Amino acid sequence: MLAELRPETPGSYLDRLAEETTVNGRGMTDYDLPAAPHERTPLLVRRCLAYVGACLREAREEFGDGRVKAYVSLSFADTEEGLLTSNVTFCTPLPDVRPYIADLERVRDAAVVEVSVEDCFPGAGRWFGCSSAGCAGGEAAGV
C-alpha cells in the first residue's frame, strides 16, 4: 500500500508481504502522550484508528484498493518505563503469500486488530468519527 507515495526501496525481500510490512510498518508517534496508562491508552488507540481510517480510505479512493488490511498492535515497550506503544502495518492479503499474522487469535504478547476499509466505513455509516472530510478521533466508537 502507499507504494505510489514513496520512491523505490532498495534491497531484496523474500516476498511481497515482507516488502509491504517493511516499507509500511510504522510505530505510532506517542512521545507527546501522558505516561499514565489510563490517560495514554485511549489517546493512543484513537490516534491509531484515525490514521488507519485515513490511510484505508485513501487507498480505496486514490488507488482503487479496497483489499488492504491494517494491523494495529498495542504492547508495552521493553524499557524501564514500560510505556504502552503501538505499531500500524498495512498489507494486502494475497493468495500466494503467507498472511501477515497467520492466527490473530493466538497472539499473546500484544493486542492486535485487523481493520479493513469496510470496518471503518460500513455502508453509509461512519466509524470513529471518520468521513470523507477526515477523521475526528475515537469519540463515535467510545474509545
N, C-alpha and C. Protein backbone atom coordinates (compact mmCIF):
# COMPACT_ATOMS: atom_id res chain seq x y z
N MET A 1 0.83 -1.17 0.00
CA MET A 1 0.00 0.00 0.00
C MET A 1 0.87 1.23 0.00
N LEU A 2 0.36 2.34 -0.38
CA LEU A 2 1.06 3.61 -0.41
C LEU A 2 2.31 3.58 -1.27
N ALA A 3 2.44 2.59 -2.14
CA ALA A 3 3.63 2.47 -2.98
C ALA A 3 3.81 3.69 -3.87
N GLU A 4 2.71 4.30 -4.27
CA GLU A 4 2.80 5.47 -5.15
C GLU A 4 3.39 6.68 -4.42
N LEU A 5 3.41 6.65 -3.11
CA LEU A 5 3.85 7.80 -2.35
C LEU A 5 5.31 7.72 -1.92
N ARG A 6 6.00 6.67 -2.26
CA ARG A 6 7.39 6.52 -1.84
C ARG A 6 8.28 6.21 -3.03
N PRO A 7 9.54 6.58 -2.94
CA PRO A 7 10.46 6.20 -4.02
C PRO A 7 10.74 4.70 -3.93
N GLU A 8 11.32 4.17 -4.96
CA GLU A 8 11.67 2.75 -4.95
C GLU A 8 12.57 2.46 -3.76
N THR A 9 12.30 1.37 -3.08
CA THR A 9 13.08 0.99 -1.92
C THR A 9 14.15 0.00 -2.33
N PRO A 10 15.41 0.31 -2.03
CA PRO A 10 16.46 -0.63 -2.39
C PRO A 10 16.42 -1.86 -1.50
N GLY A 11 16.98 -2.96 -1.96
CA GLY A 11 17.04 -4.17 -1.17
C GLY A 11 16.17 -5.25 -1.77
N SER A 12 16.35 -6.44 -1.24
CA SER A 12 15.54 -7.54 -1.73
C SER A 12 14.74 -8.10 -0.56
N TYR A 13 13.60 -8.67 -0.86
CA TYR A 13 12.70 -9.20 0.14
C TYR A 13 12.32 -10.62 -0.24
N LEU A 14 11.93 -11.40 0.75
CA LEU A 14 11.53 -12.78 0.50
C LEU A 14 10.28 -12.85 -0.36
N ASP A 15 9.34 -11.95 -0.12
CA ASP A 15 8.10 -11.93 -0.89
C ASP A 15 7.47 -10.55 -0.76
N ARG A 16 6.34 -10.38 -1.42
CA ARG A 16 5.67 -9.08 -1.42
C ARG A 16 5.23 -8.66 -0.01
N LEU A 17 4.78 -9.62 0.81
CA LEU A 17 4.36 -9.30 2.17
C LEU A 17 5.53 -8.74 2.97
N ALA A 18 6.70 -9.35 2.84
CA ALA A 18 7.87 -8.86 3.57
C ALA A 18 8.20 -7.44 3.14
N GLU A 19 8.09 -7.15 1.85
CA GLU A 19 8.36 -5.79 1.38
C GLU A 19 7.31 -4.82 1.92
N GLU A 20 6.03 -5.18 1.81
CA GLU A 20 4.98 -4.27 2.27
C GLU A 20 5.12 -3.96 3.75
N THR A 21 5.34 -4.97 4.57
CA THR A 21 5.41 -4.73 6.01
C THR A 21 6.68 -3.98 6.40
N THR A 22 7.75 -4.17 5.66
CA THR A 22 8.99 -3.43 5.93
C THR A 22 8.81 -1.96 5.56
N VAL A 23 8.24 -1.70 4.42
CA VAL A 23 8.08 -0.34 3.93
C VAL A 23 6.98 0.39 4.68
N ASN A 24 5.90 -0.29 5.03
CA ASN A 24 4.72 0.38 5.57
C ASN A 24 4.55 0.30 7.07
N GLY A 25 5.28 -0.58 7.75
CA GLY A 25 5.14 -0.67 9.20
C GLY A 25 5.59 0.63 9.87
N ARG A 26 4.78 1.13 10.78
CA ARG A 26 5.09 2.41 11.44
C ARG A 26 4.79 2.31 12.93
N GLY A 27 5.74 2.77 13.72
CA GLY A 27 5.44 2.98 15.13
C GLY A 27 4.63 4.26 15.23
N MET A 28 3.54 4.22 15.96
CA MET A 28 2.69 5.41 16.08
C MET A 28 3.38 6.41 17.01
N THR A 29 3.41 7.66 16.61
CA THR A 29 4.01 8.72 17.42
C THR A 29 3.30 8.78 18.76
N ASP A 30 4.07 8.73 19.84
CA ASP A 30 3.45 8.74 21.17
C ASP A 30 4.24 9.54 22.20
N TYR A 31 5.30 10.20 21.76
CA TYR A 31 6.16 10.94 22.70
C TYR A 31 5.42 12.06 23.41
N ASP A 32 4.35 12.57 22.81
CA ASP A 32 3.61 13.68 23.39
C ASP A 32 2.46 13.23 24.29
N LEU A 33 2.29 11.92 24.46
CA LEU A 33 1.18 11.39 25.26
C LEU A 33 1.60 11.21 26.71
N PRO A 34 0.63 11.30 27.63
CA PRO A 34 0.96 11.09 29.04
C PRO A 34 1.41 9.65 29.29
N ALA A 35 2.16 9.43 30.35
CA ALA A 35 2.68 8.10 30.66
C ALA A 35 1.65 7.23 31.38
N ALA A 36 0.76 7.82 32.13
CA ALA A 36 -0.22 7.05 32.91
C ALA A 36 -1.11 6.25 31.97
N PRO A 37 -1.16 4.92 32.15
CA PRO A 37 -1.92 4.06 31.22
C PRO A 37 -3.38 4.48 31.02
N HIS A 38 -4.07 4.91 32.08
CA HIS A 38 -5.48 5.28 31.94
C HIS A 38 -5.67 6.54 31.09
N GLU A 39 -4.64 7.36 30.99
CA GLU A 39 -4.70 8.54 30.13
C GLU A 39 -4.13 8.24 28.74
N ARG A 40 -3.08 7.46 28.70
CA ARG A 40 -2.35 7.18 27.47
C ARG A 40 -3.12 6.27 26.51
N THR A 41 -3.71 5.21 27.03
CA THR A 41 -4.33 4.18 26.20
C THR A 41 -5.40 4.72 25.26
N PRO A 42 -6.42 5.45 25.76
CA PRO A 42 -7.45 5.91 24.81
C PRO A 42 -6.92 6.88 23.77
N LEU A 43 -5.96 7.72 24.14
CA LEU A 43 -5.39 8.66 23.18
C LEU A 43 -4.59 7.93 22.09
N LEU A 44 -3.83 6.93 22.49
CA LEU A 44 -3.03 6.17 21.53
C LEU A 44 -3.93 5.37 20.60
N VAL A 45 -4.96 4.75 21.14
CA VAL A 45 -5.89 3.98 20.30
C VAL A 45 -6.59 4.89 19.31
N ARG A 46 -7.08 6.04 19.76
CA ARG A 46 -7.74 6.99 18.85
C ARG A 46 -6.80 7.43 17.73
N ARG A 47 -5.57 7.71 18.08
CA ARG A 47 -4.59 8.15 17.09
C ARG A 47 -4.37 7.07 16.04
N CYS A 48 -4.22 5.84 16.48
CA CYS A 48 -4.01 4.72 15.56
C CYS A 48 -5.21 4.53 14.64
N LEU A 49 -6.40 4.53 15.22
CA LEU A 49 -7.61 4.30 14.42
C LEU A 49 -7.86 5.43 13.43
N ALA A 50 -7.58 6.66 13.83
CA ALA A 50 -7.75 7.78 12.90
C ALA A 50 -6.78 7.65 11.72
N TYR A 51 -5.54 7.28 12.01
CA TYR A 51 -4.53 7.09 10.96
C TYR A 51 -4.93 5.95 10.03
N VAL A 52 -5.35 4.83 10.61
CA VAL A 52 -5.77 3.67 9.81
C VAL A 52 -6.95 4.04 8.92
N GLY A 53 -7.95 4.70 9.48
CA GLY A 53 -9.12 5.08 8.68
C GLY A 53 -8.75 5.98 7.52
N ALA A 54 -7.89 6.94 7.77
CA ALA A 54 -7.48 7.86 6.71
C ALA A 54 -6.69 7.13 5.62
N CYS A 55 -5.78 6.25 6.01
CA CYS A 55 -4.97 5.53 5.02
C CYS A 55 -5.80 4.55 4.21
N LEU A 56 -6.69 3.82 4.87
CA LEU A 56 -7.52 2.85 4.14
C LEU A 56 -8.47 3.56 3.18
N ARG A 57 -9.02 4.68 3.61
CA ARG A 57 -9.90 5.46 2.73
C ARG A 57 -9.10 5.95 1.52
N GLU A 58 -7.90 6.45 1.76
CA GLU A 58 -7.06 6.95 0.68
C GLU A 58 -6.69 5.83 -0.29
N ALA A 59 -6.39 4.66 0.23
CA ALA A 59 -6.04 3.52 -0.63
C ALA A 59 -7.22 3.18 -1.54
N ARG A 60 -8.42 3.23 -0.99
CA ARG A 60 -9.61 2.91 -1.79
C ARG A 60 -9.90 4.01 -2.81
N GLU A 61 -9.85 5.27 -2.37
CA GLU A 61 -10.23 6.37 -3.26
C GLU A 61 -9.16 6.70 -4.30
N GLU A 62 -7.91 6.69 -3.90
CA GLU A 62 -6.83 7.09 -4.81
C GLU A 62 -6.33 5.95 -5.69
N PHE A 63 -6.28 4.74 -5.13
CA PHE A 63 -5.68 3.62 -5.85
C PHE A 63 -6.67 2.51 -6.18
N GLY A 64 -7.94 2.66 -5.75
CA GLY A 64 -8.95 1.64 -6.03
C GLY A 64 -8.70 0.33 -5.32
N ASP A 65 -7.96 0.37 -4.21
CA ASP A 65 -7.63 -0.86 -3.49
C ASP A 65 -8.43 -0.94 -2.19
N GLY A 66 -9.46 -1.76 -2.20
CA GLY A 66 -10.27 -1.97 -1.01
C GLY A 66 -9.90 -3.22 -0.25
N ARG A 67 -8.87 -3.94 -0.73
CA ARG A 67 -8.47 -5.19 -0.08
C ARG A 67 -7.39 -4.98 0.99
N VAL A 68 -6.81 -3.80 1.05
CA VAL A 68 -5.74 -3.54 2.01
C VAL A 68 -6.26 -3.73 3.43
N LYS A 69 -5.45 -4.35 4.26
CA LYS A 69 -5.77 -4.53 5.68
C LYS A 69 -4.77 -3.74 6.49
N ALA A 70 -5.23 -3.19 7.60
CA ALA A 70 -4.35 -2.52 8.55
C ALA A 70 -4.29 -3.38 9.80
N TYR A 71 -3.11 -3.50 10.36
CA TYR A 71 -2.92 -4.22 11.60
C TYR A 71 -2.40 -3.24 12.63
N VAL A 72 -3.17 -3.06 13.70
CA VAL A 72 -2.78 -2.17 14.79
C VAL A 72 -2.42 -3.05 15.97
N SER A 73 -1.21 -2.86 16.48
CA SER A 73 -0.81 -3.63 17.66
C SER A 73 -0.49 -2.67 18.80
N LEU A 74 -0.84 -3.09 19.99
CA LEU A 74 -0.53 -2.36 21.21
C LEU A 74 0.23 -3.31 22.12
N SER A 75 1.34 -2.83 22.65
CA SER A 75 2.12 -3.65 23.59
C SER A 75 2.94 -2.71 24.46
N PHE A 76 3.49 -3.28 25.53
CA PHE A 76 4.30 -2.49 26.43
C PHE A 76 5.75 -2.53 25.97
N ALA A 77 6.38 -1.37 25.93
CA ALA A 77 7.78 -1.26 25.49
C ALA A 77 8.67 -2.02 26.45
N ASP A 78 9.71 -2.60 25.91
CA ASP A 78 10.69 -3.33 26.71
C ASP A 78 11.74 -2.35 27.22
N THR A 79 11.27 -1.40 28.01
CA THR A 79 12.14 -0.37 28.59
C THR A 79 11.83 -0.30 30.07
N GLU A 80 12.61 0.46 30.78
CA GLU A 80 12.39 0.62 32.22
C GLU A 80 11.00 1.20 32.51
N GLU A 81 10.57 2.15 31.67
CA GLU A 81 9.26 2.78 31.87
C GLU A 81 8.12 1.84 31.50
N GLY A 82 8.35 0.96 30.54
CA GLY A 82 7.32 0.02 30.11
C GLY A 82 6.06 0.69 29.59
N LEU A 83 6.23 1.78 28.84
CA LEU A 83 5.07 2.51 28.32
C LEU A 83 4.34 1.70 27.25
N LEU A 84 3.04 1.91 27.14
CA LEU A 84 2.25 1.31 26.08
C LEU A 84 2.64 1.97 24.76
N THR A 85 2.95 1.18 23.76
CA THR A 85 3.32 1.67 22.44
C THR A 85 2.45 0.99 21.40
N SER A 86 2.50 1.49 20.17
CA SER A 86 1.68 0.88 19.12
C SER A 86 2.43 0.91 17.80
N ASN A 87 1.99 0.03 16.92
CA ASN A 87 2.55 -0.06 15.58
C ASN A 87 1.39 -0.29 14.61
N VAL A 88 1.47 0.32 13.45
CA VAL A 88 0.46 0.14 12.41
C VAL A 88 1.16 -0.37 11.16
N THR A 89 0.66 -1.46 10.62
CA THR A 89 1.23 -2.06 9.41
C THR A 89 0.10 -2.30 8.42
N PHE A 90 0.37 -2.03 7.15
CA PHE A 90 -0.61 -2.24 6.08
C PHE A 90 -0.11 -3.32 5.15
N CYS A 91 -1.01 -4.18 4.70
CA CYS A 91 -0.66 -5.13 3.66
C CYS A 91 -1.93 -5.64 2.99
N THR A 92 -1.76 -6.19 1.82
CA THR A 92 -2.87 -6.73 1.04
C THR A 92 -2.79 -8.25 1.08
N PRO A 93 -3.84 -8.92 1.55
CA PRO A 93 -3.82 -10.38 1.52
C PRO A 93 -3.74 -10.88 0.08
N LEU A 94 -2.84 -11.79 -0.16
CA LEU A 94 -2.65 -12.37 -1.49
C LEU A 94 -2.73 -13.89 -1.39
N PRO A 95 -3.32 -14.53 -2.39
CA PRO A 95 -3.50 -15.98 -2.31
C PRO A 95 -2.19 -16.77 -2.29
N ASP A 96 -1.15 -16.23 -2.88
CA ASP A 96 0.11 -16.97 -2.97
C ASP A 96 1.16 -16.54 -1.94
N VAL A 97 0.74 -15.73 -0.94
CA VAL A 97 1.67 -15.22 0.07
C VAL A 97 1.09 -15.51 1.46
N ARG A 98 1.96 -15.90 2.36
CA ARG A 98 1.52 -16.17 3.74
C ARG A 98 0.88 -14.92 4.34
N PRO A 99 -0.08 -15.08 5.24
CA PRO A 99 -0.71 -13.91 5.85
C PRO A 99 0.27 -13.16 6.76
N TYR A 100 0.00 -11.89 6.98
CA TYR A 100 0.86 -11.09 7.85
C TYR A 100 0.88 -11.69 9.26
N ILE A 101 -0.28 -11.98 9.79
CA ILE A 101 -0.38 -12.69 11.08
C ILE A 101 -1.25 -13.91 10.81
N ALA A 102 -0.64 -15.08 10.84
CA ALA A 102 -1.33 -16.31 10.45
C ALA A 102 -2.52 -16.64 11.34
N ASP A 103 -2.42 -16.46 12.62
CA ASP A 103 -3.52 -16.79 13.53
C ASP A 103 -3.67 -15.68 14.56
N LEU A 104 -4.40 -14.66 14.18
CA LEU A 104 -4.58 -13.47 15.00
C LEU A 104 -5.05 -13.79 16.41
N GLU A 105 -5.91 -14.78 16.54
CA GLU A 105 -6.48 -15.14 17.85
C GLU A 105 -5.43 -15.71 18.81
N ARG A 106 -4.31 -16.16 18.30
CA ARG A 106 -3.29 -16.78 19.15
C ARG A 106 -2.19 -15.82 19.59
N VAL A 107 -2.26 -14.58 19.17
CA VAL A 107 -1.25 -13.60 19.58
C VAL A 107 -1.44 -13.34 21.08
N ARG A 108 -0.35 -13.47 21.83
CA ARG A 108 -0.44 -13.33 23.29
C ARG A 108 0.41 -12.19 23.84
N ASP A 109 1.39 -11.70 23.09
CA ASP A 109 2.30 -10.70 23.62
C ASP A 109 1.91 -9.27 23.25
N ALA A 110 0.76 -9.11 22.60
CA ALA A 110 0.27 -7.79 22.21
C ALA A 110 -1.22 -7.88 21.93
N ALA A 111 -1.87 -6.73 21.94
CA ALA A 111 -3.25 -6.65 21.47
C ALA A 111 -3.17 -6.25 20.00
N VAL A 112 -3.80 -7.03 19.13
CA VAL A 112 -3.73 -6.78 17.70
C VAL A 112 -5.13 -6.81 17.11
N VAL A 113 -5.38 -5.86 16.22
CA VAL A 113 -6.65 -5.84 15.50
C VAL A 113 -6.36 -5.70 14.01
N GLU A 114 -7.13 -6.41 13.20
CA GLU A 114 -7.06 -6.30 11.75
C GLU A 114 -8.24 -5.44 11.31
N VAL A 115 -7.98 -4.42 10.52
CA VAL A 115 -9.02 -3.48 10.12
C VAL A 115 -9.04 -3.36 8.59
N SER A 116 -10.24 -3.41 8.03
CA SER A 116 -10.42 -3.19 6.60
C SER A 116 -11.17 -1.88 6.40
N VAL A 117 -11.22 -1.41 5.17
CA VAL A 117 -11.94 -0.17 4.89
C VAL A 117 -13.42 -0.33 5.21
N GLU A 118 -13.96 -1.54 5.06
CA GLU A 118 -15.37 -1.78 5.40
C GLU A 118 -15.62 -1.63 6.89
N ASP A 119 -14.61 -1.96 7.71
CA ASP A 119 -14.75 -1.77 9.15
C ASP A 119 -14.83 -0.30 9.50
N CYS A 120 -14.11 0.52 8.74
CA CYS A 120 -14.09 1.96 9.01
C CYS A 120 -15.33 2.67 8.51
N PHE A 121 -15.84 2.23 7.38
CA PHE A 121 -16.95 2.91 6.73
C PHE A 121 -18.01 1.92 6.30
N PRO A 122 -18.68 1.24 7.25
CA PRO A 122 -19.68 0.26 6.86
C PRO A 122 -20.90 0.94 6.23
N GLY A 123 -21.28 0.50 5.04
CA GLY A 123 -22.44 1.06 4.35
C GLY A 123 -22.34 2.57 4.25
N ALA A 124 -23.42 3.23 4.59
CA ALA A 124 -23.43 4.69 4.56
C ALA A 124 -23.02 5.27 5.91
N GLY A 125 -22.83 4.40 6.92
CA GLY A 125 -22.48 4.87 8.26
C GLY A 125 -21.03 5.28 8.36
N ARG A 126 -20.68 5.72 9.54
CA ARG A 126 -19.30 6.13 9.79
C ARG A 126 -18.78 5.40 11.01
N TRP A 127 -17.48 5.28 11.09
CA TRP A 127 -16.84 4.63 12.22
C TRP A 127 -15.89 5.60 12.87
N PHE A 128 -15.83 5.66 14.13
CA PHE A 128 -14.98 6.51 14.96
C PHE A 128 -14.79 7.93 14.43
N GLY A 129 -15.88 8.51 13.96
CA GLY A 129 -15.83 9.92 13.58
C GLY A 129 -15.21 10.21 12.24
N CYS A 130 -15.08 9.21 11.36
CA CYS A 130 -14.46 9.44 10.06
C CYS A 130 -15.52 9.75 9.02
N SER A 131 -15.15 10.58 8.11
CA SER A 131 -15.99 10.89 6.96
C SER A 131 -15.06 11.17 5.80
N SER A 132 -15.61 11.52 4.66
CA SER A 132 -14.74 11.82 3.53
C SER A 132 -13.89 13.06 3.79
N ALA A 133 -14.28 13.85 4.78
CA ALA A 133 -13.50 15.04 5.12
C ALA A 133 -12.34 14.74 6.06
N GLY A 134 -12.33 13.56 6.63
CA GLY A 134 -11.23 13.21 7.54
C GLY A 134 -11.72 12.53 8.78
N CYS A 135 -10.82 12.29 9.73
CA CYS A 135 -11.15 11.58 10.96
C CYS A 135 -11.06 12.50 12.15
N ALA A 136 -12.03 12.36 13.03
CA ALA A 136 -12.07 13.19 14.21
C ALA A 136 -11.46 12.52 15.42
N GLY A 137 -11.29 11.22 15.42
CA GLY A 137 -10.74 10.52 16.58
C GLY A 137 -11.59 9.31 16.92
N GLY A 138 -11.71 8.98 18.17
CA GLY A 138 -12.41 7.77 18.57
C GLY A 138 -13.73 8.01 19.26
N GLU A 139 -14.21 9.24 19.27
CA GLU A 139 -15.42 9.56 20.03
C GLU A 139 -16.61 8.69 19.66
N ALA A 140 -16.86 8.48 18.39
CA ALA A 140 -18.05 7.74 17.97
C ALA A 140 -17.96 6.26 18.34
N ALA A 141 -16.76 5.76 18.49
CA ALA A 141 -16.60 4.35 18.86
C ALA A 141 -16.53 4.19 20.37
N GLY A 142 -16.53 5.30 21.10
CA GLY A 142 -16.45 5.21 22.53
C GLY A 142 -15.07 4.84 23.04
N VAL A 143 -14.06 5.05 22.23
CA VAL A 143 -12.69 4.72 22.62
C VAL A 143 -12.15 5.80 23.51
